[in-house]
Amino acid sequence: MTDATKCPKCNSEHAYQDRDLWICPECAHEWSAAGDAAAEATQEAGVRDAHGNVLTDGDSVIVMKDLKVKGSSSVVKGGTKVRNIRLQDATDGHNIACKIDGIGAMNLKSEFVKKA
């Protein structure tokens, strides 16, 4: 089954077509295949920060809240400016690779940063 016929809400493979709409019997979600293609194109325009700004490689961001560093007792304080970020495929939601002074290389989630 192609991704176009899977439910975008619950990813069910049991969706069926009724005229120009697709319907999911599991979650009752209805969608148009043509409308979803346009929505995905605008949604995939890039990684967005917590306020919806599009991020690109080389941008500077500011951490919005204190973040614990996994496997360490260190903390990235809210308000820390991170320069020269690199976008990557999301692994566990961590889609920003960067180096932070005093901590080193790490990955961040875009939902916890804002564009500087």
Protein backbone atom coordinates (compact mmCIF):
# COMPACT_ATOMS: atom_id res chain seq x y z
CA MET A 1 0.00 0.00 0.00
CA THR A 2 1.37 3.40 -0.88
CA ASP A 3 1.82 6.23 1.63
CA ALA A 4 -0.92 8.17 -0.20
CA THR A 5 -3.51 5.61 0.87
CA LYS A 6 -2.33 5.35 4.50
CA CYS A 7 -4.07 7.51 7.07
CA PRO A 8 -1.90 10.58 7.83
CA LYS A 9 -3.31 10.75 11.35
CA CYS A 10 -2.95 7.18 12.64
CA ASN A 11 -0.96 5.57 9.76
CA SER A 12 -3.60 2.88 9.31
CA GLU A 13 -3.47 0.80 6.13
CA HIS A 14 -7.23 0.26 6.07
CA ALA A 15 -8.20 3.60 4.51
CA TYR A 16 -10.67 3.56 1.67
CA GLN A 17 -11.68 6.05 -1.01
CA ASP A 18 -15.13 7.61 -1.25
CA ARG A 19 -15.29 9.78 -4.37
CA ASP A 20 -12.53 12.39 -3.91
CA LEU A 21 -11.96 11.78 -0.17
CA TRP A 22 -10.00 9.12 1.66
CA ILE A 23 -11.54 7.85 4.93
CA CYS A 24 -9.90 5.96 7.78
CA PRO A 25 -12.28 3.52 9.51
CA GLU A 26 -10.08 3.35 12.62
CA CYS A 27 -9.86 7.03 13.58
CA ALA A 28 -12.60 8.51 11.29
CA HIS A 29 -10.13 10.95 9.72
CA GLU A 30 -11.03 12.20 6.24
CA TRP A 31 -8.58 13.76 3.81
CA SER A 32 -8.11 14.64 0.17
CA ALA A 33 -5.10 13.14 -1.58
CA ALA A 34 -4.58 16.30 -3.66
CA GLY A 35 -4.90 18.60 -0.65
CA ASP A 36 -2.48 16.52 1.42
CA ALA A 37 0.20 16.70 -1.26
CA ALA A 38 0.08 20.51 -1.15
CA ALA A 39 0.05 20.55 2.67
CA GLU A 40 3.04 18.21 2.86
CA ALA A 41 5.00 20.39 0.45
CA THR A 42 4.56 23.43 2.66
CA GLN A 43 5.12 21.41 5.85
CA GLU A 44 8.32 19.88 4.54
CA ALA A 45 9.73 23.34 3.80
CA GLY A 46 12.26 22.68 6.53
CA VAL A 47 12.91 22.32 10.21
CA ARG A 48 11.07 24.91 12.28
CA ASP A 49 11.88 26.32 15.72
CA ALA A 50 9.44 26.63 18.62
CA HIS A 51 7.91 29.78 17.11
CA GLY A 52 7.54 28.38 13.58
CA ASN A 53 10.56 30.08 11.99
CA VAL A 54 12.34 27.99 9.35
CA LEU A 55 15.86 26.98 10.36
CA THR A 56 18.72 26.41 7.94
CA ASP A 57 22.29 25.16 8.26
CA GLY A 58 24.58 27.77 9.78
CA ASP A 59 21.86 29.62 11.72
CA SER A 60 22.26 30.69 15.32
CA VAL A 61 19.63 29.66 17.86
CA ILE A 62 18.91 30.34 21.51
CA VAL A 63 17.98 27.53 23.90
CA MET A 64 14.62 28.38 25.49
CA LYS A 65 14.80 26.31 28.70
CA ASP A 66 17.30 24.41 30.82
CA LEU A 67 18.12 21.08 29.18
CA LYS A 68 19.76 18.17 30.98
CA VAL A 69 22.64 16.56 29.13
CA LYS A 70 22.02 12.83 28.93
CA GLY A 71 24.74 10.80 30.64
CA SER A 72 26.22 13.80 32.42
CA SER A 73 25.49 16.10 35.31
CA SER A 74 25.83 19.12 33.00
CA VAL A 75 22.93 21.36 32.06
CA VAL A 76 22.50 23.60 29.02
CA LYS A 77 21.05 26.76 30.53
CA GLY A 78 18.09 28.54 28.97
CA GLY A 79 19.28 31.57 27.03
CA THR A 80 22.45 29.87 25.77
CA LYS A 81 23.23 30.98 22.21
CA VAL A 82 24.30 28.20 19.86
CA ARG A 83 26.03 29.24 16.65
CA ASN A 84 26.46 27.44 13.35
CA ILE A 85 23.88 24.67 13.70
CA ARG A 86 23.62 21.75 11.28
CA LEU A 87 20.28 20.19 10.41
CA GLN A 88 20.06 16.42 10.28
CA ASP A 89 17.47 13.68 9.94
CA ALA A 90 15.56 13.45 13.20
CA THR A 91 16.82 10.69 15.48
CA ASP A 92 14.44 10.50 18.44
CA GLY A 93 13.32 14.03 17.51
CA HIS A 94 16.82 15.49 17.76
CA ASN A 95 17.14 17.23 14.39
CA ILE A 96 19.84 19.84 15.19
CA ALA A 97 23.53 18.97 15.54
CA CYS A 98 25.73 21.61 17.19
CA LYS A 99 28.67 22.36 19.46
CA ILE A 100 28.01 24.18 22.72
CA ASP A 101 30.83 25.96 24.55
CA GLY A 102 31.75 24.14 27.75
CA ILE A 103 29.78 21.03 26.83
CA GLY A 104 30.85 19.95 23.35
CA ALA A 105 29.05 18.33 20.46
CA MET A 106 25.42 17.40 21.01
CA ASN A 107 22.02 17.10 19.35
CA LEU A 108 19.02 19.30 20.15
CA LYS A 109 15.32 19.17 19.40
CA SER A 110 14.07 22.13 17.38
CA GLU A 111 11.06 22.51 19.70
CA PHE A 112 13.36 23.79 22.50
CA VAL A 113 15.15 26.52 20.52
CA LYS A 114 14.27 29.80 18.89
CA LYS A 115 16.02 31.47 15.99
CA ALA A 116 18.44 34.21 17.07
